[in-house]
Amino acid sequence: MKLLLLLTTLLYCLPIHAQQLDSLKYPNGWLYYHTYGKGSPVIVLSGGPGNSCLQQEEVAIELGKHYKAILLEQRGTGLSIPVPFDSTTINLKAAVEDIQRLLQKEGISKTVIYGHSWGAMLAMSYAAAHPEKVRALVLANPGYYKFSADFMTTHMNNLRARLGVSDLALMDSLSKKIEGGRATGADSALYNRTIRLAYIYNKADIDSLMAKIYVAKPNVRMQGLMVSDLQRTHFDLSKNLPQYKGPVTVIGSRQDPLAFYTYELKIIRPDIVLHWIQASGHFPMFEQQPAFFEVLEKVMTTSVTHP
């Protein structure tokens, strides 16, 4: 009886979020997605590429309070593993087609798309290919709008500028071991933790934030294949993003080492509406969650009512 009471108490204390796991069949397997709430649809795309969709689950849960938030397990992540798993099935074209499949399966004629980092890149790519399907884009700290040597150099230099002398020495030492094929699993984990220090504002929170960033193991194979495809095809949204005429809102972090991407993006899309979060790096939904959710709610109210 005491055990039953204890279990009941624990269950009562756990947060319960109405969630539905669904899937759709396509030629190379099954595409999985999670649905939260009811109402106007919003597609939620996580970053990476290759990160688990669960990294953005807290955002999906928050959106699910007022909308039908659909959190996609992107092809090559989670349960959405294609056969074969190679460059023929993991590429930007396929990722864009998957969003189209998802909207068709759910009977969605027009939707808001939320994307973080790589997810924002994918959201913009879909909007460029299917502008008639997108009501609004809501982008959180978007990544590259194009691949260029200058952007990549700026990105890396921004990371290095945010690390101390000892962290830089450790990162460079571990990088050489990884490149030389001499790194252990522990070396790779330490390298990742060290470089992630540059992506957050409060370094003392690194371990708690790492638990959220890597709530589930990313698929590095998917990441490698997708990045290779973006490089091979000379990814550049400046060529086709103008086809999408709808609103674009960016929620950015002032201290994000990738914030310069947002400024560069605004050069090619001057009508972008910017909202800035202070005291946050690349993950404001974790570092400054109340402020982030407050801005997100305001942005969504406007986005959903857009024709």
Protein backbone atom coordinates (compact mmCIF):
# COMPACT_ATOMS: atom_id res chain seq x y z
CA MET A 1 0.00 0.00 0.00
CA LYS A 2 2.85 2.39 0.89
CA LEU A 3 4.59 1.60 -2.41
CA LEU A 4 1.36 2.26 -4.35
CA LEU A 5 0.93 5.58 -2.54
CA LEU A 6 4.53 6.55 -3.26
CA LEU A 7 4.19 5.73 -6.97
CA THR A 8 0.92 7.63 -7.15
CA THR A 9 2.55 10.64 -5.53
CA LEU A 10 5.50 10.52 -7.91
CA LEU A 11 3.24 10.24 -10.93
CA TYR A 12 1.16 13.14 -9.69
CA CYS A 13 4.29 15.28 -9.41
CA LEU A 14 5.56 14.46 -12.89
CA PRO A 15 4.65 16.90 -15.64
CA ILE A 16 2.16 15.35 -18.04
CA HIS A 17 2.18 16.65 -21.60
CA ALA A 18 -0.37 15.45 -24.11
CA GLN A 19 1.78 14.04 -26.88
CA GLN A 20 1.06 11.79 -29.82
CA LEU A 21 3.71 9.87 -31.73
CA ASP A 22 2.83 9.27 -35.36
CA SER A 23 4.60 8.28 -38.56
CA LEU A 24 4.27 8.29 -42.30
CA LYS A 25 5.59 5.87 -44.90
CA TYR A 26 7.89 7.00 -47.69
CA PRO A 27 10.04 5.04 -50.18
CA ASN A 28 13.05 4.72 -47.86
CA GLY A 29 11.31 3.95 -44.58
CA TRP A 30 9.20 5.74 -41.98
CA LEU A 31 9.25 9.36 -40.89
CA TYR A 32 8.27 9.91 -37.25
CA TYR A 33 6.88 13.00 -35.57
CA HIS A 34 5.36 14.11 -32.26
CA THR A 35 2.24 16.25 -31.90
CA TYR A 36 1.48 18.53 -28.95
CA GLY A 37 -1.76 20.43 -28.45
CA LYS A 38 -4.46 21.51 -30.87
CA GLY A 39 -5.17 24.51 -33.07
CA SER A 40 -3.28 26.24 -35.84
CA PRO A 41 -0.28 24.14 -36.93
CA VAL A 42 3.36 25.00 -36.33
CA ILE A 43 6.16 22.71 -37.50
CA VAL A 44 9.11 22.53 -35.07
CA LEU A 45 12.56 21.82 -36.53
CA SER A 46 15.53 21.14 -34.29
CA GLY A 47 19.15 22.03 -35.02
CA GLY A 48 22.32 20.15 -35.79
CA PRO A 49 22.06 18.81 -38.37
CA GLY A 50 21.71 15.46 -36.69
CA ASN A 51 20.47 16.54 -33.27
CA SER A 52 17.58 14.71 -31.67
CA CYS A 53 14.23 16.45 -32.07
CA LEU A 54 13.93 16.19 -28.27
CA GLN A 55 16.37 19.10 -27.96
CA GLN A 56 13.44 21.35 -28.93
CA GLU A 57 10.73 19.41 -27.10
CA GLU A 58 10.33 22.06 -24.40
CA VAL A 59 9.61 24.59 -27.14
CA ALA A 60 7.09 22.21 -28.73
CA ILE A 61 5.40 21.68 -25.37
CA GLU A 62 5.16 25.44 -24.84
CA LEU A 63 3.76 25.98 -28.33
CA GLY A 64 1.35 23.10 -27.75
CA LYS A 65 -0.44 25.13 -25.07
CA HIS A 66 -2.06 27.24 -27.80
CA TYR A 67 -1.26 25.58 -31.12
CA LYS A 68 -0.80 22.22 -32.77
CA ALA A 69 2.95 21.86 -32.50
CA ILE A 70 4.42 19.11 -34.69
CA LEU A 71 7.96 18.13 -33.70
CA LEU A 72 9.62 16.31 -36.58
CA GLU A 73 12.19 13.56 -36.14
CA GLN A 74 14.18 14.63 -39.17
CA ARG A 75 15.34 11.94 -41.55
CA GLY A 76 18.53 10.41 -40.17
CA THR A 77 17.67 11.16 -36.52
CA GLY A 78 15.74 9.32 -33.83
CA LEU A 79 13.48 6.66 -35.30
CA SER A 80 13.48 8.20 -38.78
CA ILE A 81 16.31 6.11 -40.22
CA PRO A 82 16.23 5.65 -44.01
CA VAL A 83 17.38 2.63 -45.98
CA PRO A 84 19.93 3.00 -47.42
CA PHE A 85 21.53 5.51 -45.05
CA ASP A 86 23.82 7.38 -47.41
CA SER A 87 24.11 10.49 -49.58
CA THR A 88 21.20 9.35 -51.76
CA THR A 89 18.80 9.56 -48.81
CA ILE A 90 20.41 12.21 -46.58
CA ASN A 91 20.53 15.55 -48.36
CA LEU A 92 18.79 18.92 -48.30
CA LYS A 93 16.40 18.07 -51.13
CA ALA A 94 15.17 15.00 -49.25
CA ALA A 95 14.80 16.97 -45.99
CA VAL A 96 12.65 19.57 -47.76
CA GLU A 97 10.54 16.83 -49.36
CA ASP A 98 9.96 15.28 -45.92
CA ILE A 99 8.34 18.49 -44.64
CA GLN A 100 6.09 18.47 -47.71
CA ARG A 101 5.17 14.85 -46.95
CA LEU A 102 4.39 15.76 -43.36
CA LEU A 103 2.05 18.60 -44.34
CA GLN A 104 0.28 16.36 -46.84
CA LYS A 105 -0.13 13.59 -44.25
CA GLU A 106 -1.60 16.03 -41.72
CA GLY A 107 -3.78 17.79 -44.29
CA ILE A 108 -2.10 21.15 -43.62
CA SER A 109 -2.50 23.70 -46.40
CA LYS A 110 -0.42 26.45 -44.75
CA THR A 111 1.70 26.51 -41.61
CA VAL A 112 4.05 28.47 -39.40
CA ILE A 113 7.50 26.89 -39.24
CA TYR A 114 9.74 27.32 -36.20
CA GLY A 115 13.39 26.34 -36.56
CA HIS A 116 16.46 26.63 -34.37
CA SER A 117 19.98 26.90 -35.87
CA TRP A 118 20.16 24.23 -38.62
CA GLY A 119 16.40 23.89 -38.21
CA ALA A 120 16.10 27.53 -39.28
CA MET A 121 18.21 26.80 -42.37
CA LEU A 122 15.88 23.93 -43.23
CA ALA A 123 12.79 26.06 -42.55
CA MET A 124 14.02 28.76 -44.93
CA SER A 125 14.90 26.14 -47.55
CA TYR A 126 11.39 24.73 -47.39
CA ALA A 127 9.83 28.22 -47.59
CA ALA A 128 11.93 28.98 -50.67
CA ALA A 129 10.81 25.75 -52.36
CA HIS A 130 7.15 25.89 -51.27
CA PRO A 131 6.34 29.52 -50.43
CA GLU A 132 2.60 28.95 -50.80
CA LYS A 133 2.68 26.49 -47.88
CA VAL A 134 4.32 28.80 -45.31
CA ARG A 135 2.33 31.31 -43.30
CA ALA A 136 5.36 32.64 -41.42
CA LEU A 137 8.91 31.70 -40.45
CA VAL A 138 9.96 31.97 -36.80
CA LEU A 139 13.70 31.41 -36.54
CA ALA A 140 15.74 31.06 -33.36
CA ASN A 141 19.44 31.88 -33.81
CA PRO A 142 19.55 30.77 -37.44
CA GLY A 143 22.68 29.21 -38.89
CA TYR A 144 24.28 29.91 -42.25
CA TYR A 145 22.11 31.27 -45.04
CA LYS A 146 24.99 30.29 -47.34
CA PHE A 147 28.22 28.34 -47.10
CA SER A 148 31.25 30.56 -47.64
CA ALA A 149 34.87 30.50 -46.47
CA ASP A 150 34.46 33.92 -44.88
CA PHE A 151 31.40 32.87 -42.86
CA MET A 152 33.12 29.69 -41.65
CA THR A 153 36.25 31.61 -40.65
CA THR A 154 34.18 34.22 -38.79
CA HIS A 155 32.26 31.46 -37.03
CA MET A 156 35.42 29.72 -35.82
CA ASN A 157 37.12 32.98 -34.80
CA ASN A 158 34.04 33.96 -32.78
CA LEU A 159 34.21 30.64 -30.95
CA ARG A 160 37.90 31.09 -30.18
CA ALA A 161 37.32 34.64 -28.96
CA ARG A 162 34.90 33.30 -26.35
CA LEU A 163 37.31 30.76 -24.85
CA GLY A 164 40.10 31.36 -22.35
CA VAL A 165 43.75 30.50 -22.88
CA SER A 166 43.61 27.14 -21.11
CA ASP A 167 40.39 26.11 -22.90
CA LEU A 168 41.91 27.03 -26.26
CA ALA A 169 45.02 24.99 -25.53
CA LEU A 170 42.91 22.01 -24.50
CA MET A 171 40.63 22.32 -27.53
CA ASP A 172 43.58 22.53 -29.96
CA SER A 173 45.31 19.57 -28.34
CA LEU A 174 42.18 17.41 -28.48
CA SER A 175 41.50 18.54 -32.05
CA LYS A 176 44.90 17.22 -33.15
CA LYS A 177 44.23 13.86 -31.49
CA ILE A 178 40.82 13.60 -33.18
CA GLU A 179 42.21 14.53 -36.60
CA GLY A 180 45.02 12.04 -36.13
CA GLY A 181 42.65 9.23 -35.22
CA ARG A 182 44.17 8.87 -31.74
CA ALA A 183 41.26 10.22 -29.69
CA THR A 184 39.31 8.12 -27.22
CA GLY A 185 35.61 8.50 -26.57
CA ALA A 186 36.45 10.52 -23.48
CA ASP A 187 38.68 12.82 -25.57
CA SER A 188 35.85 13.48 -28.02
CA ALA A 189 33.39 14.17 -25.21
CA LEU A 190 35.82 16.59 -23.56
CA TYR A 191 36.46 18.35 -26.87
CA ASN A 192 32.73 18.78 -27.40
CA ARG A 193 32.22 20.10 -23.86
CA THR A 194 35.10 22.55 -24.27
CA ILE A 195 33.94 24.00 -27.57
CA ARG A 196 30.36 24.24 -26.25
CA LEU A 197 31.63 26.71 -23.64
CA ALA A 198 31.82 29.23 -26.49
CA TYR A 199 28.13 28.74 -27.27
CA ILE A 200 26.80 29.63 -23.82
CA TYR A 201 26.77 32.82 -21.79
CA ASN A 202 27.16 31.56 -18.22
CA LYS A 203 30.06 29.10 -18.27
CA ALA A 204 29.17 27.84 -14.80
CA ASP A 205 26.03 26.29 -16.31
CA ILE A 206 27.90 24.21 -18.88
CA ASP A 207 27.05 20.77 -17.46
CA SER A 208 23.34 21.44 -16.90
CA LEU A 209 23.08 22.96 -20.37
CA MET A 210 24.98 20.07 -21.96
CA ALA A 211 22.31 17.76 -20.53
CA LYS A 212 19.66 19.75 -22.38
CA ILE A 213 21.62 20.25 -25.59
CA TYR A 214 22.34 16.51 -25.75
CA VAL A 215 19.12 15.24 -24.19
CA ALA A 216 19.51 12.36 -26.65
CA LYS A 217 22.49 11.23 -28.68
CA PRO A 218 22.89 13.09 -32.00
CA ASN A 219 23.43 11.15 -35.21
CA VAL A 220 26.89 12.21 -36.36
CA ARG A 221 26.57 10.15 -39.53
CA MET A 222 23.53 12.16 -40.58
CA GLN A 223 25.39 15.36 -39.72
CA GLY A 224 28.37 14.45 -41.88
CA LEU A 225 26.22 13.46 -44.86
CA MET A 226 24.10 16.62 -44.67
CA VAL A 227 27.06 18.98 -44.30
CA SER A 228 28.76 17.28 -47.24
CA ASP A 229 25.63 17.78 -49.33
CA LEU A 230 25.41 21.48 -48.39
CA GLN A 231 29.05 21.94 -49.36
CA ARG A 232 28.71 19.98 -52.60
CA THR A 233 25.65 21.95 -53.71
CA HIS A 234 27.12 25.31 -52.63
CA PHE A 235 24.21 26.03 -50.26
CA ASP A 236 23.10 29.64 -50.76
CA LEU A 237 19.62 30.83 -49.77
CA SER A 238 20.23 34.27 -51.22
CA LYS A 239 19.43 32.75 -54.61
CA ASN A 240 15.94 31.44 -53.84
CA LEU A 241 14.73 32.77 -50.47
CA PRO A 242 13.25 35.86 -52.22
CA GLN A 243 10.62 33.50 -53.66
CA TYR A 244 9.08 33.41 -50.19
CA LYS A 245 7.26 36.71 -49.56
CA GLY A 246 5.79 35.97 -46.12
CA PRO A 247 7.00 37.30 -42.76
CA VAL A 248 10.27 36.23 -41.20
CA THR A 249 10.94 36.77 -37.50
CA VAL A 250 14.25 36.02 -35.81
CA ILE A 251 14.65 35.53 -32.07
CA GLY A 252 18.37 35.94 -31.51
CA SER A 253 20.77 36.02 -28.60
CA ARG A 254 23.02 39.03 -28.16
CA GLN A 255 25.93 36.87 -26.98
CA ASP A 256 25.55 34.08 -29.55
CA PRO A 257 28.81 33.59 -31.52
CA LEU A 258 26.58 32.91 -34.53
CA ALA A 259 24.62 36.17 -34.21
CA PHE A 260 26.46 37.62 -37.19
CA TYR A 261 24.50 35.19 -39.40
CA THR A 262 21.33 37.05 -38.44
CA TYR A 263 22.83 40.39 -39.46
CA GLU A 264 24.05 38.90 -42.74
CA LEU A 265 20.61 37.37 -43.34
CA LYS A 266 18.94 40.74 -42.81
CA ILE A 267 21.06 42.18 -45.63
CA ILE A 268 19.35 39.89 -48.13
CA ARG A 269 15.98 40.06 -46.33
CA PRO A 270 15.68 43.62 -44.88
CA ASP A 271 12.08 43.12 -43.71
CA ILE A 272 13.11 40.55 -41.08
CA VAL A 273 11.79 41.45 -37.63
CA LEU A 274 14.41 40.94 -34.91
CA HIS A 275 13.89 40.23 -31.22
CA TRP A 276 17.02 40.02 -29.07
CA ILE A 277 17.55 38.05 -25.84
CA GLN A 278 20.27 39.26 -23.48
CA ALA A 279 22.63 37.14 -21.36
CA SER A 280 22.33 34.14 -23.64
CA GLY A 281 24.38 32.23 -26.16
CA HIS A 282 23.13 29.93 -28.89
CA PHE A 283 20.40 28.28 -26.80
CA PRO A 284 18.09 30.98 -25.36
CA MET A 285 15.30 28.44 -24.91
CA PHE A 286 17.51 26.97 -22.15
CA GLU A 287 19.57 29.88 -20.83
CA GLN A 288 16.79 32.48 -20.72
CA GLN A 289 13.68 30.37 -21.04
CA PRO A 290 11.09 32.78 -19.50
CA ALA A 291 12.27 35.66 -21.69
CA PHE A 292 12.47 33.42 -24.76
CA PHE A 293 8.97 31.99 -24.27
CA GLU A 294 7.55 35.47 -23.68
CA VAL A 295 8.95 36.69 -27.01
CA LEU A 296 7.91 33.47 -28.76
CA GLU A 297 4.31 33.89 -27.60
CA LYS A 298 4.14 37.44 -28.97
CA VAL A 299 5.73 36.41 -32.25
CA MET A 300 3.40 33.45 -32.69
CA THR A 301 0.30 35.54 -32.06
CA THR A 302 1.27 37.75 -34.99
CA SER A 303 2.47 34.90 -37.20
CA VAL A 304 -0.64 32.73 -36.88
CA THR A 305 -2.96 35.62 -37.76
CA HIS A 306 -0.96 36.47 -40.89
CA PRO A 307 -2.95 35.64 -44.05
